[in-house]
Structure formats: structure tokens, C-alpha cells
């Protein structure tokens, strides 16, 4: 449906994004998605991430270790059939050199959205800088900083856009 809509808009010159981006490899076939499809997928994932964080917080509440929340958050993603990777190392490429300096993001959802999970009393500005750095270094566009150690989870979810 989205492909037909995109083709229609392209024919009418109403839509400027006419290139396709590689999504992921499945066997030998490559899937491609347009910019519109990528935006829709990112928004869908953003809603699902918030829902998963809500479910975990509702069941466990505040006060546990970050690792516990990470495992349960990823379990919620898996129940929804959403792919993810945990504890991904990020390399820094500078002046043609690649540096592996211990940067690591908590969860990468469907190779599109970064999630940094915390379980701390107060929000630290360093964490905001961390998620912004992760977005820039990976080229991803949406990231979440989720702090589970809050009374209301809506106060612990912060969305960032690159």
C-alpha cells in the first residue's frame, strides 16, 4: 500500500524523496524502503518502544538495576516481533581512522532507533550528550533515553532526533 502511494506521489511530483534505502538483508534478497516508508517505520517503532517501556515499568516499578530493565524491555520487543540488538559497540571514524574506544549503546531497535536505558534517581546532562553522540556517530535519526527509576514512566521517557 505504501509503495503504491509513494509511486503515485512521485508521478504527480508531490513527493521529493524518490530514492530507496536498504533496510536489511534477508537471505540473498535485499529489501529497500523509501524515505516515506522509513519515516513511518521509525514512528511505528517509537510508539512501540514507549509501549514496551510502559509495560515494563508497570510490572516492575522503579528501584531495580538497569540490566533487569534492559532484559525485560527486550523481551517486550521480542513479544511484539520487533528485532533488536543489545550492547552494540560504536566505532569512531576520524580522519580515515577507526577508533574503538568503548562507546556502547544499550539497545538498537530494528537497526533504526537507539534506546539508552537508565535506572537512576536524577537525569544527568551527560546522558543527553551520550544519546546525541550515539545518534551522530551511527547516523540514526531517532533515539530514546528511558529512565525507569521514576514514579511515572512518562517522566522518564525522553525522545531525541538527529
C-alpha atoms as a PDB file:
ATOM      1  CA  UNK A   1       0.000   0.000   0.000  1.00  0.00           C
ATOM      2  CA  UNK A   2       2.736   2.445   0.974  1.00  0.00           C
ATOM      3  CA  UNK A   3       4.707   1.591  -2.177  1.00  0.00           C
ATOM      4  CA  UNK A   4       1.691   2.367  -4.382  1.00  0.00           C
ATOM      5  CA  UNK A   5       1.094   5.641  -2.552  1.00  0.00           C
ATOM      6  CA  UNK A   6       4.745   6.617  -2.915  1.00  0.00           C
ATOM      7  CA  UNK A   7       4.712   5.773  -6.650  1.00  0.00           C
ATOM      8  CA  UNK A   8       1.525   7.813  -7.092  1.00  0.00           C
ATOM      9  CA  UNK A   9       3.038  10.807  -5.321  1.00  0.00           C
ATOM     10  CA  UNK A  10       6.251  10.509  -7.320  1.00  0.00           C
ATOM     11  CA  UNK A  11       4.328  10.518 -10.596  1.00  0.00           C
ATOM     12  CA  UNK A  12       2.490  13.646  -9.503  1.00  0.00           C
ATOM     13  CA  UNK A  13       5.795  15.210  -8.332  1.00  0.00           C
ATOM     14  CA  UNK A  14       4.229  15.753  -4.928  1.00  0.00           C
ATOM     15  CA  UNK A  15       6.894  13.803  -3.095  1.00  0.00           C
ATOM     16  CA  UNK A  16      10.557  14.733  -3.303  1.00  0.00           C
ATOM     17  CA  UNK A  17      12.111  11.534  -1.942  1.00  0.00           C
ATOM     18  CA  UNK A  18      12.416   9.201  -4.899  1.00  0.00           C
ATOM     19  CA  UNK A  19      15.306   7.041  -3.776  1.00  0.00           C
ATOM     20  CA  UNK A  20      15.155   3.773  -1.906  1.00  0.00           C
ATOM     21  CA  UNK A  21      17.236   2.964   1.155  1.00  0.00           C
ATOM     22  CA  UNK A  22      18.440  -0.541   2.007  1.00  0.00           C
ATOM     23  CA  UNK A  23      16.535  -1.864   5.013  1.00  0.00           C
ATOM     24  CA  UNK A  24      18.046  -5.245   5.809  1.00  0.00           C
ATOM     25  CA  UNK A  25      19.237  -8.443   4.210  1.00  0.00           C
ATOM     26  CA  UNK A  26      17.013 -11.477   4.287  1.00  0.00           C
ATOM     27  CA  UNK A  27      18.843 -14.349   2.667  1.00  0.00           C
ATOM     28  CA  UNK A  28      20.116 -13.136  -0.673  1.00  0.00           C
ATOM     29  CA  UNK A  29      17.295 -10.687  -1.311  1.00  0.00           C
ATOM     30  CA  UNK A  30      17.664  -7.065  -0.268  1.00  0.00           C
ATOM     31  CA  UNK A  31      14.662  -5.165   0.981  1.00  0.00           C
ATOM     32  CA  UNK A  32      14.512  -1.495   0.188  1.00  0.00           C
ATOM     33  CA  UNK A  33      12.369   1.199   1.713  1.00  0.00           C
ATOM     34  CA  UNK A  34      11.644   4.697   0.590  1.00  0.00           C
ATOM     35  CA  UNK A  35      12.187   7.708   2.793  1.00  0.00           C
ATOM     36  CA  UNK A  36       8.445   7.816   3.487  1.00  0.00           C
ATOM     37  CA  UNK A  37       8.400   4.149   4.489  1.00  0.00           C
ATOM     38  CA  UNK A  38      11.437   4.712   6.721  1.00  0.00           C
ATOM     39  CA  UNK A  39       9.735   7.641   8.472  1.00  0.00           C
ATOM     40  CA  UNK A  40       6.588   5.591   9.012  1.00  0.00           C
ATOM     41  CA  UNK A  41       8.613   2.654  10.336  1.00  0.00           C
ATOM     42  CA  UNK A  42      10.525   4.928  12.739  1.00  0.00           C
ATOM     43  CA  UNK A  43       7.282   6.418  14.064  1.00  0.00           C
ATOM     44  CA  UNK A  44       5.749   2.975  14.458  1.00  0.00           C
ATOM     45  CA  UNK A  45       8.834   1.789  16.364  1.00  0.00           C
ATOM     46  CA  UNK A  46       8.791   4.917  18.545  1.00  0.00           C
ATOM     47  CA  UNK A  47       5.233   4.152  19.652  1.00  0.00           C
ATOM     48  CA  UNK A  48       6.068   0.514  20.301  1.00  0.00           C
ATOM     49  CA  UNK A  49       9.176   1.458  22.316  1.00  0.00           C
ATOM     50  CA  UNK A  50       7.131   3.747  24.549  1.00  0.00           C
ATOM     51  CA  UNK A  51       4.546   0.991  24.973  1.00  0.00           C
ATOM     52  CA  UNK A  52       7.226  -1.565  25.910  1.00  0.00           C
ATOM     53  CA  UNK A  53       8.787   0.840  28.427  1.00  0.00           C
ATOM     54  CA  UNK A  54       5.339   1.453  29.934  1.00  0.00           C
ATOM     55  CA  UNK A  55       4.635  -2.274  30.237  1.00  0.00           C
ATOM     56  CA  UNK A  56       7.978  -2.983  31.910  1.00  0.00           C
ATOM     57  CA  UNK A  57       7.615  -0.082  34.337  1.00  0.00           C
ATOM     58  CA  UNK A  58       4.027  -1.015  35.167  1.00  0.00           C
ATOM     59  CA  UNK A  59       5.028  -4.578  36.001  1.00  0.00           C
ATOM     60  CA  UNK A  60       8.363  -3.960  37.773  1.00  0.00           C
ATOM     61  CA  UNK A  61       8.116  -0.397  39.076  1.00  0.00           C
ATOM     62  CA  UNK A  62      11.162   1.731  39.972  1.00  0.00           C
ATOM     63  CA  UNK A  63      14.184   0.677  42.011  1.00  0.00           C
ATOM     64  CA  UNK A  64      15.762  -2.243  40.144  1.00  0.00           C
ATOM     65  CA  UNK A  65      19.072  -2.482  38.301  1.00  0.00           C
ATOM     66  CA  UNK A  66      19.418  -1.193  34.748  1.00  0.00           C
ATOM     67  CA  UNK A  67      20.259  -4.685  33.446  1.00  0.00           C
ATOM     68  CA  UNK A  68      16.933  -6.039  34.712  1.00  0.00           C
ATOM     69  CA  UNK A  69      15.006  -3.349  32.863  1.00  0.00           C
ATOM     70  CA  UNK A  70      17.064  -3.958  29.712  1.00  0.00           C
ATOM     71  CA  UNK A  71      16.311  -7.688  29.660  1.00  0.00           C
ATOM     72  CA  UNK A  72      12.598  -7.135  30.281  1.00  0.00           C
ATOM     73  CA  UNK A  73      12.403  -4.285  27.741  1.00  0.00           C
ATOM     74  CA  UNK A  74      13.982  -6.502  25.074  1.00  0.00           C
ATOM     75  CA  UNK A  75      11.612  -9.321  25.992  1.00  0.00           C
ATOM     76  CA  UNK A  76       8.660  -6.969  25.384  1.00  0.00           C
ATOM     77  CA  UNK A  77      10.119  -6.023  21.986  1.00  0.00           C
ATOM     78  CA  UNK A  78      10.536  -9.698  21.119  1.00  0.00           C
ATOM     79  CA  UNK A  79       6.915 -10.427  22.078  1.00  0.00           C
ATOM     80  CA  UNK A  80       5.851  -7.785  19.557  1.00  0.00           C
ATOM     81  CA  UNK A  81       8.072  -9.350  16.873  1.00  0.00           C
ATOM     82  CA  UNK A  82      10.394  -6.336  16.704  1.00  0.00           C
ATOM     83  CA  UNK A  83      14.057  -7.076  16.045  1.00  0.00           C
ATOM     84  CA  UNK A  84      16.713  -5.573  18.301  1.00  0.00           C
ATOM     85  CA  UNK A  85      20.373  -5.808  19.237  1.00  0.00           C
ATOM     86  CA  UNK A  86      21.756  -5.330  22.741  1.00  0.00           C
ATOM     87  CA  UNK A  87      25.024  -3.746  23.894  1.00  0.00           C
ATOM     88  CA  UNK A  88      26.312  -2.626  20.482  1.00  0.00           C
ATOM     89  CA  UNK A  89      29.865  -1.259  20.288  1.00  0.00           C
ATOM     90  CA  UNK A  90      30.197   2.002  18.369  1.00  0.00           C
ATOM     91  CA  UNK A  91      33.364   2.876  16.492  1.00  0.00           C
ATOM     92  CA  UNK A  92      34.594   6.413  15.933  1.00  0.00           C
ATOM     93  CA  UNK A  93      35.798   7.189  12.414  1.00  0.00           C
ATOM     94  CA  UNK A  94      38.031  10.250  12.255  1.00  0.00           C
ATOM     95  CA  UNK A  95      40.464  11.328   9.571  1.00  0.00           C
ATOM     96  CA  UNK A  96      40.124   7.965   7.846  1.00  0.00           C
ATOM     97  CA  UNK A  97      40.996   6.044  11.023  1.00  0.00           C
ATOM     98  CA  UNK A  98      38.700   3.819  13.035  1.00  0.00           C
ATOM     99  CA  UNK A  99      38.856   4.036  16.840  1.00  0.00           C
ATOM    100  CA  UNK A 100      37.235   1.519  19.161  1.00  0.00           C
ATOM    101  CA  UNK A 101      37.088   3.489  22.384  1.00  0.00           C
ATOM    102  CA  UNK A 102      34.474   1.648  24.385  1.00  0.00           C
ATOM    103  CA  UNK A 103      31.365   3.520  23.277  1.00  0.00           C
ATOM    104  CA  UNK A 104      28.385   1.229  23.609  1.00  0.00           C
ATOM    105  CA  UNK A 105      24.665   1.708  23.162  1.00  0.00           C
ATOM    106  CA  UNK A 106      22.149  -0.320  25.150  1.00  0.00           C
ATOM    107  CA  UNK A 107      19.542  -1.338  22.567  1.00  0.00           C
ATOM    108  CA  UNK A 108      19.290  -0.786  18.813  1.00  0.00           C
ATOM    109  CA  UNK A 109      15.719  -1.423  17.684  1.00  0.00           C
ATOM    110  CA  UNK A 110      15.237  -2.704  14.107  1.00  0.00           C
ATOM    111  CA  UNK A 111      18.504  -1.001  13.048  1.00  0.00           C
ATOM    112  CA  UNK A 112      16.649   2.338  13.134  1.00  0.00           C
ATOM    113  CA  UNK A 113      16.098   3.568  16.716  1.00  0.00           C
ATOM    114  CA  UNK A 114      18.591   3.831  19.594  1.00  0.00           C
ATOM    115  CA  UNK A 115      17.453   3.253  23.175  1.00  0.00           C
ATOM    116  CA  UNK A 116      19.590   4.157  26.174  1.00  0.00           C
ATOM    117  CA  UNK A 117      18.142   2.701  29.350  1.00  0.00           C
ATOM    118  CA  UNK A 118      18.853   4.081  32.815  1.00  0.00           C
ATOM    119  CA  UNK A 119      17.760   3.377  36.371  1.00  0.00           C
ATOM    120  CA  UNK A 120      18.978   6.457  38.236  1.00  0.00           C
ATOM    121  CA  UNK A 121      17.403   8.904  40.682  1.00  0.00           C
ATOM    122  CA  UNK A 122      18.100  12.055  38.660  1.00  0.00           C
ATOM    123  CA  UNK A 123      18.512  12.803  34.976  1.00  0.00           C
ATOM    124  CA  UNK A 124      22.117  13.689  34.197  1.00  0.00           C
ATOM    125  CA  UNK A 125      23.038  16.026  31.318  1.00  0.00           C
ATOM    126  CA  UNK A 126      25.843  13.634  30.374  1.00  0.00           C
ATOM    127  CA  UNK A 127      23.243  11.063  29.325  1.00  0.00           C
ATOM    128  CA  UNK A 128      21.651  13.559  26.940  1.00  0.00           C
ATOM    129  CA  UNK A 129      25.064  14.198  25.412  1.00  0.00           C
ATOM    130  CA  UNK A 130      25.591  10.441  25.236  1.00  0.00           C
ATOM    131  CA  UNK A 131      22.425   9.757  23.241  1.00  0.00           C
ATOM    132  CA  UNK A 132      23.107  12.709  20.914  1.00  0.00           C
ATOM    133  CA  UNK A 133      26.644  11.405  20.330  1.00  0.00           C
ATOM    134  CA  UNK A 134      25.316   7.918  19.598  1.00  0.00           C
ATOM    135  CA  UNK A 135      22.858   9.351  17.063  1.00  0.00           C
ATOM    136  CA  UNK A 136      25.581  11.321  15.292  1.00  0.00           C
ATOM    137  CA  UNK A 137      28.139   8.505  15.241  1.00  0.00           C
ATOM    138  CA  UNK A 138      25.692   5.888  13.961  1.00  0.00           C
ATOM    139  CA  UNK A 139      23.764   8.124  11.560  1.00  0.00           C
ATOM    140  CA  UNK A 140      20.455   7.126  13.148  1.00  0.00           C
ATOM    141  CA  UNK A 141      17.680   9.701  13.381  1.00  0.00           C
ATOM    142  CA  UNK A 142      15.662   8.790  16.479  1.00  0.00           C
ATOM    143  CA  UNK A 143      16.829   7.902  19.955  1.00  0.00           C
ATOM    144  CA  UNK A 144      15.246   7.428  23.364  1.00  0.00           C
ATOM    145  CA  UNK A 145      16.657   7.993  26.825  1.00  0.00           C
ATOM    146  CA  UNK A 146      14.477   5.953  29.171  1.00  0.00           C
ATOM    147  CA  UNK A 147      14.931   6.241  32.933  1.00  0.00           C
ATOM    148  CA  UNK A 148      12.976   3.553  34.779  1.00  0.00           C
ATOM    149  CA  UNK A 149      13.690   4.883  38.268  1.00  0.00           C
ATOM    150  CA  UNK A 150      10.775   7.333  38.267  1.00  0.00           C
ATOM    151  CA  UNK A 151       7.296   7.204  39.771  1.00  0.00           C
ATOM    152  CA  UNK A 152       5.573   7.863  36.430  1.00  0.00           C
ATOM    153  CA  UNK A 153       7.265   6.421  33.350  1.00  0.00           C
ATOM    154  CA  UNK A 154       6.094   9.359  31.220  1.00  0.00           C
ATOM    155  CA  UNK A 155       8.560  11.490  33.212  1.00  0.00           C
ATOM    156  CA  UNK A 156      11.383   9.081  32.396  1.00  0.00           C
ATOM    157  CA  UNK A 157      10.986   8.855  28.599  1.00  0.00           C
ATOM    158  CA  UNK A 158      12.871  11.432  26.529  1.00  0.00           C
ATOM    159  CA  UNK A 159      12.937  11.366  22.728  1.00  0.00           C
ATOM    160  CA  UNK A 160      15.808  12.779  20.651  1.00  0.00           C
ATOM    161  CA  UNK A 161      16.028  13.452  16.932  1.00  0.00           C
ATOM    162  CA  UNK A 162      19.211  13.842  14.908  1.00  0.00           C
END
